[in-house]
Amino acid sequence: MKKGSIFFHPIDGSGPLTISWSSKPKGDAIEAKKGSGVGFFSEAGTLLCVIFDDVLSDIDHQFLEFESITIDLSIKKGIVTYTITQTGPSTPTRRRRKKKSTKT
């Protein structure tokens, strides 16, 4: 995933923070399962944008968890960093069983 654009303009020490990875239309917001905020996804499920509801400007740590992705946000001394982790169900691998040789 390409580097996201961060939009953060706190008033009185806090405010909403947006990270956007696309300039495409965002569509409907999907509320995070855990954390305070929303995400916007393409029809194919690609993450387009997230908005954290209220973030402190000096130091903060938050995350937004969706169906298959988690965005972890940290702010230290006013510097914003984030990581994205795939959390969706992994596809089970099928193992083939080797047949024992019957040759003697």
PDB file of N, CA and C in Angstrom:
ATOM      1  N   MET A   1       0.842  -1.172   0.000  1.00  0.00           N
ATOM      2  CA  MET A   1       0.000   0.000   0.000  1.00  0.00           C
ATOM      3  C   MET A   1       0.890   1.239   0.000  1.00  0.00           C
ATOM      4  N   LYS A   2       0.489   2.236  -0.789  1.00  0.00           N
ATOM      5  CA  LYS A   2       1.280   3.461  -0.859  1.00  0.00           C
ATOM      6  C   LYS A   2       1.136   4.267   0.427  1.00  0.00           C
ATOM      7  N   LYS A   3       2.033   5.229   0.601  1.00  0.00           N
ATOM      8  CA  LYS A   3       2.024   6.083   1.777  1.00  0.00           C
ATOM      9  C   LYS A   3       0.754   6.931   1.785  1.00  0.00           C
ATOM     10  N   GLY A   4       0.116   7.022   2.939  1.00  0.00           N
ATOM     11  CA  GLY A   4      -1.114   7.774   3.055  1.00  0.00           C
ATOM     12  C   GLY A   4      -0.876   9.247   3.317  1.00  0.00           C
ATOM     13  N   SER A   5      -1.835  10.064   2.938  1.00  0.00           N
ATOM     14  CA  SER A   5      -1.814  11.490   3.243  1.00  0.00           C
ATOM     15  C   SER A   5      -2.525  11.693   4.570  1.00  0.00           C
ATOM     16  N   ILE A   6      -1.897  12.421   5.478  1.00  0.00           N
ATOM     17  CA  ILE A   6      -2.455  12.636   6.813  1.00  0.00           C
ATOM     18  C   ILE A   6      -2.996  14.055   6.901  1.00  0.00           C
ATOM     19  N   PHE A   7      -4.237  14.165   7.362  1.00  0.00           N
ATOM     20  CA  PHE A   7      -4.885  15.454   7.574  1.00  0.00           C
ATOM     21  C   PHE A   7      -5.244  15.547   9.055  1.00  0.00           C
ATOM     22  N   PHE A   8      -4.615  16.498   9.757  1.00  0.00           N
ATOM     23  CA  PHE A   8      -4.837  16.620  11.186  1.00  0.00           C
ATOM     24  C   PHE A   8      -4.695  18.087  11.569  1.00  0.00           C
ATOM     25  N   HIS A   9      -5.790  18.685  11.981  1.00  0.00           N
ATOM     26  CA  HIS A   9      -5.797  20.087  12.377  1.00  0.00           C
ATOM     27  C   HIS A   9      -6.496  20.197  13.730  1.00  0.00           C
ATOM     28  N   PRO A  10      -5.763  19.893  14.811  1.00  0.00           N
ATOM     29  CA  PRO A  10      -6.384  19.909  16.139  1.00  0.00           C
ATOM     30  C   PRO A  10      -6.736  21.322  16.606  1.00  0.00           C
ATOM     31  N   ILE A  11      -7.801  21.395  17.374  1.00  0.00           N
ATOM     32  CA  ILE A  11      -8.219  22.639  18.008  1.00  0.00           C
ATOM     33  C   ILE A  11      -8.192  22.393  19.508  1.00  0.00           C
ATOM     34  N   ASP A  12      -7.489  23.234  20.233  1.00  0.00           N
ATOM     35  CA  ASP A  12      -7.345  23.083  21.688  1.00  0.00           C
ATOM     36  C   ASP A  12      -6.760  21.729  22.068  1.00  0.00           C
ATOM     37  N   GLY A  13      -5.806  21.232  21.290  1.00  0.00           N
ATOM     38  CA  GLY A  13      -5.075  20.023  21.665  1.00  0.00           C
ATOM     39  C   GLY A  13      -5.609  18.703  21.163  1.00  0.00           C
ATOM     40  N   SER A  14      -6.747  18.696  20.445  1.00  0.00           N
ATOM     41  CA  SER A  14      -7.252  17.433  19.898  1.00  0.00           C
ATOM     42  C   SER A  14      -8.179  17.701  18.717  1.00  0.00           C
ATOM     43  N   GLY A  15      -8.464  16.630  17.974  1.00  0.00           N
ATOM     44  CA  GLY A  15      -9.373  16.758  16.845  1.00  0.00           C
ATOM     45  C   GLY A  15      -9.390  15.486  16.021  1.00  0.00           C
ATOM     46  N   PRO A  16     -10.225  15.416  15.002  1.00  0.00           N
ATOM     47  CA  PRO A  16     -10.265  14.241  14.130  1.00  0.00           C
ATOM     48  C   PRO A  16      -8.997  14.167  13.281  1.00  0.00           C
ATOM     49  N   LEU A  17      -8.569  12.954  12.974  1.00  0.00           N
ATOM     50  CA  LEU A  17      -7.384  12.738  12.143  1.00  0.00           C
ATOM     51  C   LEU A  17      -7.761  11.810  11.001  1.00  0.00           C
ATOM     52  N   THR A  18      -7.423  12.205   9.782  1.00  0.00           N
ATOM     53  CA  THR A  18      -7.748  11.438   8.583  1.00  0.00           C
ATOM     54  C   THR A  18      -6.466  10.955   7.924  1.00  0.00           C
ATOM     55  N   ILE A  19      -6.461   9.681   7.514  1.00  0.00           N
ATOM     56  CA  ILE A  19      -5.389   9.136   6.681  1.00  0.00           C
ATOM     57  C   ILE A  19      -6.058   8.651   5.403  1.00  0.00           C
ATOM     58  N   SER A  20      -5.594   9.155   4.262  1.00  0.00           N
ATOM     59  CA  SER A  20      -6.203   8.799   2.987  1.00  0.00           C
ATOM     60  C   SER A  20      -5.155   8.204   2.050  1.00  0.00           C
ATOM     61  N   TRP A  21      -5.511   7.085   1.409  1.00  0.00           N
ATOM     62  CA  TRP A  21      -4.625   6.411   0.470  1.00  0.00           C
ATOM     63  C   TRP A  21      -5.118   6.545  -0.969  1.00  0.00           C
ATOM     64  N   SER A  22      -6.218   7.236  -1.165  1.00  0.00           N
ATOM     65  CA  SER A  22      -6.800   7.342  -2.502  1.00  0.00           C
ATOM     66  C   SER A  22      -7.572   8.643  -2.634  1.00  0.00           C
ATOM     67  N   SER A  23      -7.573   9.196  -3.848  1.00  0.00           N
ATOM     68  CA  SER A  23      -8.368  10.396  -4.102  1.00  0.00           C
ATOM     69  C   SER A  23      -9.721  10.046  -4.720  1.00  0.00           C
ATOM     70  N   LYS A  24      -9.982   8.735  -4.850  1.00  0.00           N
ATOM     71  CA  LYS A  24     -11.254   8.275  -5.406  1.00  0.00           C
ATOM     72  C   LYS A  24     -12.401   8.636  -4.463  1.00  0.00           C
ATOM     73  N   PRO A  25     -13.629   8.690  -4.979  1.00  0.00           N
ATOM     74  CA  PRO A  25     -14.784   8.898  -4.101  1.00  0.00           C
ATOM     75  C   PRO A  25     -14.818   7.830  -3.009  1.00  0.00           C
ATOM     76  N   LYS A  26     -15.190   8.235  -1.798  1.00  0.00           N
ATOM     77  CA  LYS A  26     -15.088   7.346  -0.652  1.00  0.00           C
ATOM     78  C   LYS A  26     -16.326   6.504  -0.376  1.00  0.00           C
ATOM     79  N   GLY A  27     -17.493   6.899  -0.806  1.00  0.00           N
ATOM     80  CA  GLY A  27     -18.690   6.107  -0.550  1.00  0.00           C
ATOM     81  C   GLY A  27     -19.128   6.173   0.904  1.00  0.00           C
ATOM     82  N   ASP A  28     -19.739   5.085   1.387  1.00  0.00           N
ATOM     83  CA  ASP A  28     -20.283   5.037   2.738  1.00  0.00           C
ATOM     84  C   ASP A  28     -19.205   4.715   3.767  1.00  0.00           C
ATOM     85  N   ALA A  29     -19.341   5.305   4.942  1.00  0.00           N
ATOM     86  CA  ALA A  29     -18.424   5.045   6.044  1.00  0.00           C
ATOM     87  C   ALA A  29     -18.805   3.743   6.732  1.00  0.00           C
ATOM     88  N   ILE A  30     -17.792   2.978   7.127  1.00  0.00           N
ATOM     89  CA  ILE A  30     -18.005   1.754   7.892  1.00  0.00           C
ATOM     90  C   ILE A  30     -17.405   1.980   9.271  1.00  0.00           C
ATOM     91  N   GLU A  31     -18.245   1.876  10.293  1.00  0.00           N
ATOM     92  CA  GLU A  31     -17.785   2.095  11.653  1.00  0.00           C
ATOM     93  C   GLU A  31     -16.853   0.973  12.085  1.00  0.00           C
ATOM     94  N   ALA A  32     -15.789   1.336  12.786  1.00  0.00           N
ATOM     95  CA  ALA A  32     -14.818   0.357  13.263  1.00  0.00           C
ATOM     96  C   ALA A  32     -15.459  -0.563  14.295  1.00  0.00           C
ATOM     97  N   LYS A  33     -15.058  -1.852  14.265  1.00  0.00           N
ATOM     98  CA  LYS A  33     -15.541  -2.811  15.270  1.00  0.00           C
ATOM     99  C   LYS A  33     -14.992  -2.459  16.637  1.00  0.00           C
ATOM    100  N   LYS A  34     -13.724  -2.028  16.660  1.00  0.00           N
ATOM    101  CA  LYS A  34     -13.077  -1.591  17.896  1.00  0.00           C
ATOM    102  C   LYS A  34     -12.363  -0.290  17.598  1.00  0.00           C
ATOM    103  N   GLY A  35     -12.409   0.631  18.539  1.00  0.00           N
ATOM    104  CA  GLY A  35     -11.821   1.948  18.354  1.00  0.00           C
ATOM    105  C   GLY A  35     -12.891   2.938  17.945  1.00  0.00           C
ATOM    106  N   SER A  36     -12.531   4.221  17.995  1.00  0.00           N
ATOM    107  CA  SER A  36     -13.486   5.283  17.656  1.00  0.00           C
ATOM    108  C   SER A  36     -13.124   5.899  16.319  1.00  0.00           C
ATOM    109  N   GLY A  37     -13.874   5.528  15.296  1.00  0.00           N
ATOM    110  CA  GLY A  37     -13.638   6.076  13.974  1.00  0.00           C
ATOM    111  C   GLY A  37     -14.323   5.268  12.904  1.00  0.00           C
ATOM    112  N   VAL A  38     -14.069   5.674  11.662  1.00  0.00           N
ATOM    113  CA  VAL A  38     -14.687   5.026  10.514  1.00  0.00           C
ATOM    114  C   VAL A  38     -13.640   4.757   9.439  1.00  0.00           C
ATOM    115  N   GLY A  39     -13.982   3.859   8.531  1.00  0.00           N
ATOM    116  CA  GLY A  39     -13.129   3.555   7.396  1.00  0.00           C
ATOM    117  C   GLY A  39     -13.945   3.580   6.126  1.00  0.00           C
ATOM    118  N   PHE A  40     -13.270   3.797   5.025  1.00  0.00           N
ATOM    119  CA  PHE A  40     -13.887   3.786   3.706  1.00  0.00           C
ATOM    120  C   PHE A  40     -13.141   2.762   2.863  1.00  0.00           C
ATOM    121  N   PHE A  41     -13.872   1.861   2.237  1.00  0.00           N
ATOM    122  CA  PHE A  41     -13.288   0.770   1.472  1.00  0.00           C
ATOM    123  C   PHE A  41     -13.847   0.773   0.052  1.00  0.00           C
ATOM    124  N   SER A  42     -13.040   0.300  -0.900  1.00  0.00           N
ATOM    125  CA  SER A  42     -13.523   0.162  -2.271  1.00  0.00           C
ATOM    126  C   SER A  42     -14.461  -1.035  -2.337  1.00  0.00           C
ATOM    127  N   GLU A  43     -15.113  -1.217  -3.476  1.00  0.00           N
ATOM    128  CA  GLU A  43     -15.999  -2.370  -3.651  1.00  0.00           C
ATOM    129  C   GLU A  43     -15.230  -3.679  -3.553  1.00  0.00           C
ATOM    130  N   ALA A  44     -13.933  -3.642  -3.873  1.00  0.00           N
ATOM    131  CA  ALA A  44     -13.092  -4.843  -3.802  1.00  0.00           C
ATOM    132  C   ALA A  44     -12.533  -5.066  -2.397  1.00  0.00           C
ATOM    133  N   GLY A  45     -12.811  -4.147  -1.465  1.00  0.00           N
ATOM    134  CA  GLY A  45     -12.350  -4.298  -0.091  1.00  0.00           C
ATOM    135  C   GLY A  45     -11.042  -3.612   0.221  1.00  0.00           C
ATOM    136  N   THR A  46     -10.509  -2.832  -0.719  1.00  0.00           N
ATOM    137  CA  THR A  46      -9.264  -2.104  -0.495  1.00  0.00           C
ATOM    138  C   THR A  46      -9.529  -0.893   0.392  1.00  0.00           C
ATOM    139  N   LEU A  47      -8.658  -0.675   1.372  1.00  0.00           N
ATOM    140  CA  LEU A  47      -8.787   0.466   2.270  1.00  0.00           C
ATOM    141  C   LEU A  47      -8.473   1.753   1.519  1.00  0.00           C
ATOM    142  N   LEU A  48      -9.399   2.717   1.554  1.00  0.00           N
ATOM    143  CA  LEU A  48      -9.216   3.997   0.874  1.00  0.00           C
ATOM    144  C   LEU A  48      -8.888   5.114   1.850  1.00  0.00           C
ATOM    145  N   CYS A  49      -9.502   5.082   3.043  1.00  0.00           N
ATOM    146  CA  CYS A  49      -9.370   6.193   3.971  1.00  0.00           C
ATOM    147  C   CYS A  49      -9.862   5.766   5.356  1.00  0.00           C
ATOM    148  N   VAL A  50      -9.291   6.345   6.411  1.00  0.00           N
ATOM    149  CA  VAL A  50      -9.812   6.166   7.766  1.00  0.00           C
ATOM    150  C   VAL A  50      -9.888   7.533   8.443  1.00  0.00           C
ATOM    151  N   ILE A  51     -10.822   7.661   9.366  1.00  0.00           N
ATOM    152  CA  ILE A  51     -10.951   8.878  10.159  1.00  0.00           C
ATOM    153  C   ILE A  51     -11.048   8.470  11.623  1.00  0.00           C
ATOM    154  N   PHE A  52     -10.072   8.896  12.419  1.00  0.00           N
ATOM    155  CA  PHE A  52     -10.106   8.695  13.866  1.00  0.00           C
ATOM    156  C   PHE A  52     -10.897   9.853  14.456  1.00  0.00           C
ATOM    157  N   ASP A  53     -11.840   9.558  15.360  1.00  0.00           N
ATOM    158  CA  ASP A  53     -12.755  10.579  15.880  1.00  0.00           C
ATOM    159  C   ASP A  53     -12.070  11.714  16.627  1.00  0.00           C
ATOM    160  N   ASP A  54     -11.269  11.407  17.639  1.00  0.00           N
ATOM    161  CA  ASP A  54     -10.661  12.444  18.465  1.00  0.00           C
ATOM    162  C   ASP A  54      -9.262  11.999  18.872  1.00  0.00           C
ATOM    163  N   VAL A  55      -8.260  12.719  18.409  1.00  0.00           N
ATOM    164  CA  VAL A  55      -6.866  12.361  18.643  1.00  0.00           C
ATOM    165  C   VAL A  55      -6.175  13.534  19.337  1.00  0.00           C
ATOM    166  N   LEU A  56      -5.404  13.232  20.369  1.00  0.00           N
ATOM    167  CA  LEU A  56      -4.629  14.265  21.054  1.00  0.00           C
ATOM    168  C   LEU A  56      -3.424  14.647  20.200  1.00  0.00           C
ATOM    169  N   SER A  57      -3.068  15.929  20.190  1.00  0.00           N
ATOM    170  CA  SER A  57      -2.020  16.391  19.281  1.00  0.00           C
ATOM    171  C   SER A  57      -0.595  16.139  19.778  1.00  0.00           C
ATOM    172  N   ASP A  58      -0.366  16.029  21.093  1.00  0.00           N
ATOM    173  CA  ASP A  58       0.993  15.849  21.600  1.00  0.00           C
ATOM    174  C   ASP A  58       1.400  14.387  21.730  1.00  0.00           C
ATOM    175  N   ILE A  59       0.571  13.594  22.388  1.00  0.00           N
ATOM    176  CA  ILE A  59       0.865  12.173  22.576  1.00  0.00           C
ATOM    177  C   ILE A  59      -0.445  11.404  22.639  1.00  0.00           C
ATOM    178  N   ASP A  60      -0.516  10.333  21.860  1.00  0.00           N
ATOM    179  CA  ASP A  60      -1.735   9.521  21.820  1.00  0.00           C
ATOM    180  C   ASP A  60      -1.407   8.181  21.179  1.00  0.00           C
ATOM    181  N   HIS A  61      -2.230   7.192  21.468  1.00  0.00           N
ATOM    182  CA  HIS A  61      -2.116   5.874  20.835  1.00  0.00           C
ATOM    183  C   HIS A  61      -3.525   5.327  20.695  1.00  0.00           C
ATOM    184  N   GLN A  62      -3.924   5.024  19.465  1.00  0.00           N
ATOM    185  CA  GLN A  62      -5.261   4.502  19.188  1.00  0.00           C
ATOM    186  C   GLN A  62      -5.179   3.485  18.061  1.00  0.00           C
ATOM    187  N   PHE A  63      -6.257   2.732  17.904  1.00  0.00           N
ATOM    188  CA  PHE A  63      -6.346   1.820  16.770  1.00  0.00           C
ATOM    189  C   PHE A  63      -7.788   1.729  16.307  1.00  0.00           C
ATOM    190  N   LEU A  64      -7.947   1.388  15.039  1.00  0.00           N
ATOM    191  CA  LEU A  64      -9.258   1.098  14.477  1.00  0.00           C
ATOM    192  C   LEU A  64      -9.192  -0.316  13.924  1.00  0.00           C
ATOM    193  N   GLU A  65     -10.123  -1.156  14.344  1.00  0.00           N
ATOM    194  CA  GLU A  65     -10.167  -2.533  13.863  1.00  0.00           C
ATOM    195  C   GLU A  65     -11.418  -2.747  13.036  1.00  0.00           C
ATOM    196  N   PHE A  66     -11.196  -3.232  11.810  1.00  0.00           N
ATOM    197  CA  PHE A  66     -12.291  -3.541  10.900  1.00  0.00           C
ATOM    198  C   PHE A  66     -12.317  -5.048  10.672  1.00  0.00           C
ATOM    199  N   GLU A  67     -13.133  -5.503   9.762  1.00  0.00           N
ATOM    200  CA  GLU A  67     -13.302  -6.929   9.502  1.00  0.00           C
ATOM    201  C   GLU A  67     -11.976  -7.625   9.203  1.00  0.00           C
ATOM    202  N   SER A  68     -11.150  -7.030   8.360  1.00  0.00           N
ATOM    203  CA  SER A  68      -9.927  -7.724   7.950  1.00  0.00           C
ATOM    204  C   SER A  68      -8.665  -6.877   8.062  1.00  0.00           C
ATOM    205  N   ILE A  69      -8.764  -5.736   8.740  1.00  0.00           N
ATOM    206  CA  ILE A  69      -7.606  -4.849   8.807  1.00  0.00           C
ATOM    207  C   ILE A  69      -7.631  -4.035  10.102  1.00  0.00           C
ATOM    208  N   THR A  70      -6.446  -3.764  10.641  1.00  0.00           N
ATOM    209  CA  THR A  70      -6.310  -2.920  11.825  1.00  0.00           C
ATOM    210  C   THR A  70      -5.322  -1.805  11.518  1.00  0.00           C
ATOM    211  N   ILE A  71      -5.686  -0.569  11.867  1.00  0.00           N
ATOM    212  CA  ILE A  71      -4.805   0.581  11.699  1.00  0.00           C
ATOM    213  C   ILE A  71      -4.428   1.056  13.090  1.00  0.00           C
ATOM    214  N   ASP A  72      -3.128   1.036  13.378  1.00  0.00           N
ATOM    215  CA  ASP A  72      -2.596   1.423  14.680  1.00  0.00           C
ATOM    216  C   ASP A  72      -1.959   2.806  14.531  1.00  0.00           C
ATOM    217  N   LEU A  73      -2.390   3.776  15.326  1.00  0.00           N
ATOM    218  CA  LEU A  73      -1.952   5.163  15.223  1.00  0.00           C
ATOM    219  C   LEU A  73      -1.206   5.561  16.488  1.00  0.00           C
ATOM    220  N   SER A  74      -0.056   6.202  16.329  1.00  0.00           N
ATOM    221  CA  SER A  74       0.707   6.717  17.473  1.00  0.00           C
ATOM    222  C   SER A  74       1.109   8.159  17.190  1.00  0.00           C
ATOM    223  N   ILE A  75       1.048   8.972  18.227  1.00  0.00           N
ATOM    224  CA  ILE A  75       1.536  10.342  18.141  1.00  0.00           C
ATOM    225  C   ILE A  75       2.469  10.553  19.328  1.00  0.00           C
ATOM    226  N   LYS A  76       3.686  10.954  19.013  1.00  0.00           N
ATOM    227  CA  LYS A  76       4.690  11.262  20.032  1.00  0.00           C
ATOM    228  C   LYS A  76       5.321  12.589  19.669  1.00  0.00           C
ATOM    229  N   LYS A  77       5.259  13.536  20.596  1.00  0.00           N
ATOM    230  CA  LYS A  77       5.802  14.884  20.385  1.00  0.00           C
ATOM    231  C   LYS A  77       5.243  15.513  19.105  1.00  0.00           C
ATOM    232  N   GLY A  78       3.987  15.240  18.818  1.00  0.00           N
ATOM    233  CA  GLY A  78       3.309  15.820  17.673  1.00  0.00           C
ATOM    234  C   GLY A  78       3.573  15.137  16.343  1.00  0.00           C
ATOM    235  N   ILE A  79       4.371  14.059  16.324  1.00  0.00           N
ATOM    236  CA  ILE A  79       4.680  13.343  15.088  1.00  0.00           C
ATOM    237  C   ILE A  79       3.764  12.132  14.964  1.00  0.00           C
ATOM    238  N   VAL A  80       3.068  12.045  13.826  1.00  0.00           N
ATOM    239  CA  VAL A  80       2.088  10.985  13.580  1.00  0.00           C
ATOM    240  C   VAL A  80       2.752   9.822  12.849  1.00  0.00           C
ATOM    241  N   THR A  81       2.569   8.608  13.384  1.00  0.00           N
ATOM    242  CA  THR A  81       2.991   7.386  12.693  1.00  0.00           C
ATOM    243  C   THR A  81       1.829   6.395  12.748  1.00  0.00           C
ATOM    244  N   TYR A  82       1.789   5.497  11.766  1.00  0.00           N
ATOM    245  CA  TYR A  82       0.731   4.491  11.757  1.00  0.00           C
ATOM    246  C   TYR A  82       1.257   3.214  11.128  1.00  0.00           C
ATOM    247  N   THR A  83       0.610   2.107  11.484  1.00  0.00           N
ATOM    248  CA  THR A  83       0.892   0.823  10.847  1.00  0.00           C
ATOM    249  C   THR A  83      -0.440   0.185  10.481  1.00  0.00           C
ATOM    250  N   ILE A  84      -0.393  -0.618   9.425  1.00  0.00           N
ATOM    251  CA  ILE A  84      -1.579  -1.324   8.960  1.00  0.00           C
ATOM    252  C   ILE A  84      -1.292  -2.810   9.045  1.00  0.00           C
ATOM    253  N   THR A  85      -2.221  -3.558   9.643  1.00  0.00           N
ATOM    254  CA  THR A  85      -2.051  -4.991   9.806  1.00  0.00           C
ATOM    255  C   THR A  85      -3.281  -5.709   9.267  1.00  0.00           C
ATOM    256  N   GLN A  86      -3.056  -6.718   8.444  1.00  0.00           N
ATOM    257  CA  GLN A  86      -4.152  -7.564   7.980  1.00  0.00           C
ATOM    258  C   GLN A  86      -4.558  -8.470   9.143  1.00  0.00           C
ATOM    259  N   THR A  87      -5.844  -8.478   9.483  1.00  0.00           N
ATOM    260  CA  THR A  87      -6.312  -9.274  10.604  1.00  0.00           C
ATOM    261  C   THR A  87      -7.367 -10.293  10.207  1.00  0.00           C
ATOM    262  N   GLY A  88      -7.696 -10.331   8.939  1.00  0.00           N
ATOM    263  CA  GLY A  88      -8.765 -11.207   8.471  1.00  0.00           C
ATOM    264  C   GLY A  88      -8.419 -12.668   8.619  1.00  0.00           C
ATOM    265  N   PRO A  89      -9.408 -13.504   8.444  1.00  0.00           N
ATOM    266  CA  PRO A  89      -9.170 -14.939   8.577  1.00  0.00           C
ATOM    267  C   PRO A  89      -8.195 -15.408   7.506  1.00  0.00           C
ATOM    268  N   SER A  90      -7.222 -16.183   7.940  1.00  0.00           N
ATOM    269  CA  SER A  90      -6.262 -16.702   6.975  1.00  0.00           C
ATOM    270  C   SER A  90      -6.874 -17.905   6.280  1.00  0.00           C
ATOM    271  N   THR A  91      -6.487 -18.084   5.055  1.00  0.00           N
ATOM    272  CA  THR A  91      -7.022 -19.224   4.325  1.00  0.00           C
ATOM    273  C   THR A  91      -6.308 -20.481   4.788  1.00  0.00           C
ATOM    274  N   PRO A  92      -7.060 -21.483   5.179  1.00  0.00           N
ATOM    275  CA  PRO A  92      -6.414 -22.701   5.667  1.00  0.00           C
ATOM    276  C   PRO A  92      -5.665 -23.404   4.542  1.00  0.00           C
ATOM    277  N   THR A  93      -4.512 -23.924   4.881  1.00  0.00           N
ATOM    278  CA  THR A  93      -3.750 -24.655   3.879  1.00  0.00           C
ATOM    279  C   THR A  93      -4.139 -26.115   3.955  1.00  0.00           C
ATOM    280  N   ARG A  94      -4.269 -26.719   2.803  1.00  0.00           N
ATOM    281  CA  ARG A  94      -4.627 -28.135   2.754  1.00  0.00           C
ATOM    282  C   ARG A  94      -3.347 -28.935   2.610  1.00  0.00           C
ATOM    283  N   ARG A  95      -3.244 -29.935   3.405  1.00  0.00           N
ATOM    284  CA  ARG A  95      -2.090 -30.817   3.308  1.00  0.00           C
ATOM    285  C   ARG A  95      -2.501 -32.097   2.622  1.00  0.00           C
ATOM    286  N   ARG A  96      -1.661 -32.532   1.737  1.00  0.00           N
ATOM    287  CA  ARG A  96      -1.906 -33.810   1.076  1.00  0.00           C
ATOM    288  C   ARG A  96      -1.200 -34.886   1.857  1.00  0.00           C
ATOM    289  N   ARG A  97      -1.862 -35.949   1.962  1.00  0.00           N
ATOM    290  CA  ARG A  97      -1.290 -37.087   2.667  1.00  0.00           C
ATOM    291  C   ARG A  97      -0.612 -38.003   1.666  1.00  0.00           C
ATOM    292  N   LYS A  98       0.604 -38.344   1.950  1.00  0.00           N
ATOM    293  CA  LYS A  98       1.315 -39.252   1.060  1.00  0.00           C
ATOM    294  C   LYS A  98       0.855 -40.667   1.321  1.00  0.00           C
ATOM    295  N   LYS A  99       0.652 -41.381   0.244  1.00  0.00           N
ATOM    296  CA  LYS A  99       0.273 -42.790   0.388  1.00  0.00           C
ATOM    297  C   LYS A  99       1.544 -43.598   0.583  1.00  0.00           C
ATOM    298  N   LYS A 100       1.449 -44.575   1.409  1.00  0.00           N
ATOM    299  CA  LYS A 100       2.597 -45.445   1.613  1.00  0.00           C
ATOM    300  C   LYS A 100       2.789 -46.332   0.386  1.00  0.00           C
ATOM    301  N   SER A 101       4.023 -46.540   0.061  1.00  0.00           N
ATOM    302  CA  SER A 101       4.331 -47.385  -1.079  1.00  0.00           C
ATOM    303  C   SER A 101       4.019 -48.829  -0.750  1.00  0.00           C
ATOM    304  N   THR A 102       3.367 -49.535  -1.672  1.00  0.00           N
ATOM    305  CA  THR A 102       3.005 -50.937  -1.444  1.00  0.00           C
ATOM    306  C   THR A 102       3.954 -51.880  -2.145  1.00  0.00           C
ATOM    307  N   LYS A 103       4.993 -51.329  -2.762  1.00  0.00           N
ATOM    308  CA  LYS A 103       5.958 -52.178  -3.469  1.00  0.00           C
ATOM    309  C   LYS A 103       6.797 -52.934  -2.453  1.00  0.00           C
ATOM    310  N   THR A 104       7.094 -54.180  -2.735  1.00  0.00           N
ATOM    311  CA  THR A 104       7.947 -54.996  -1.858  1.00  0.00           C
ATOM    312  C   THR A 104       9.145 -55.513  -2.583  1.00  0.00           C
TER     313      THR A 104
END
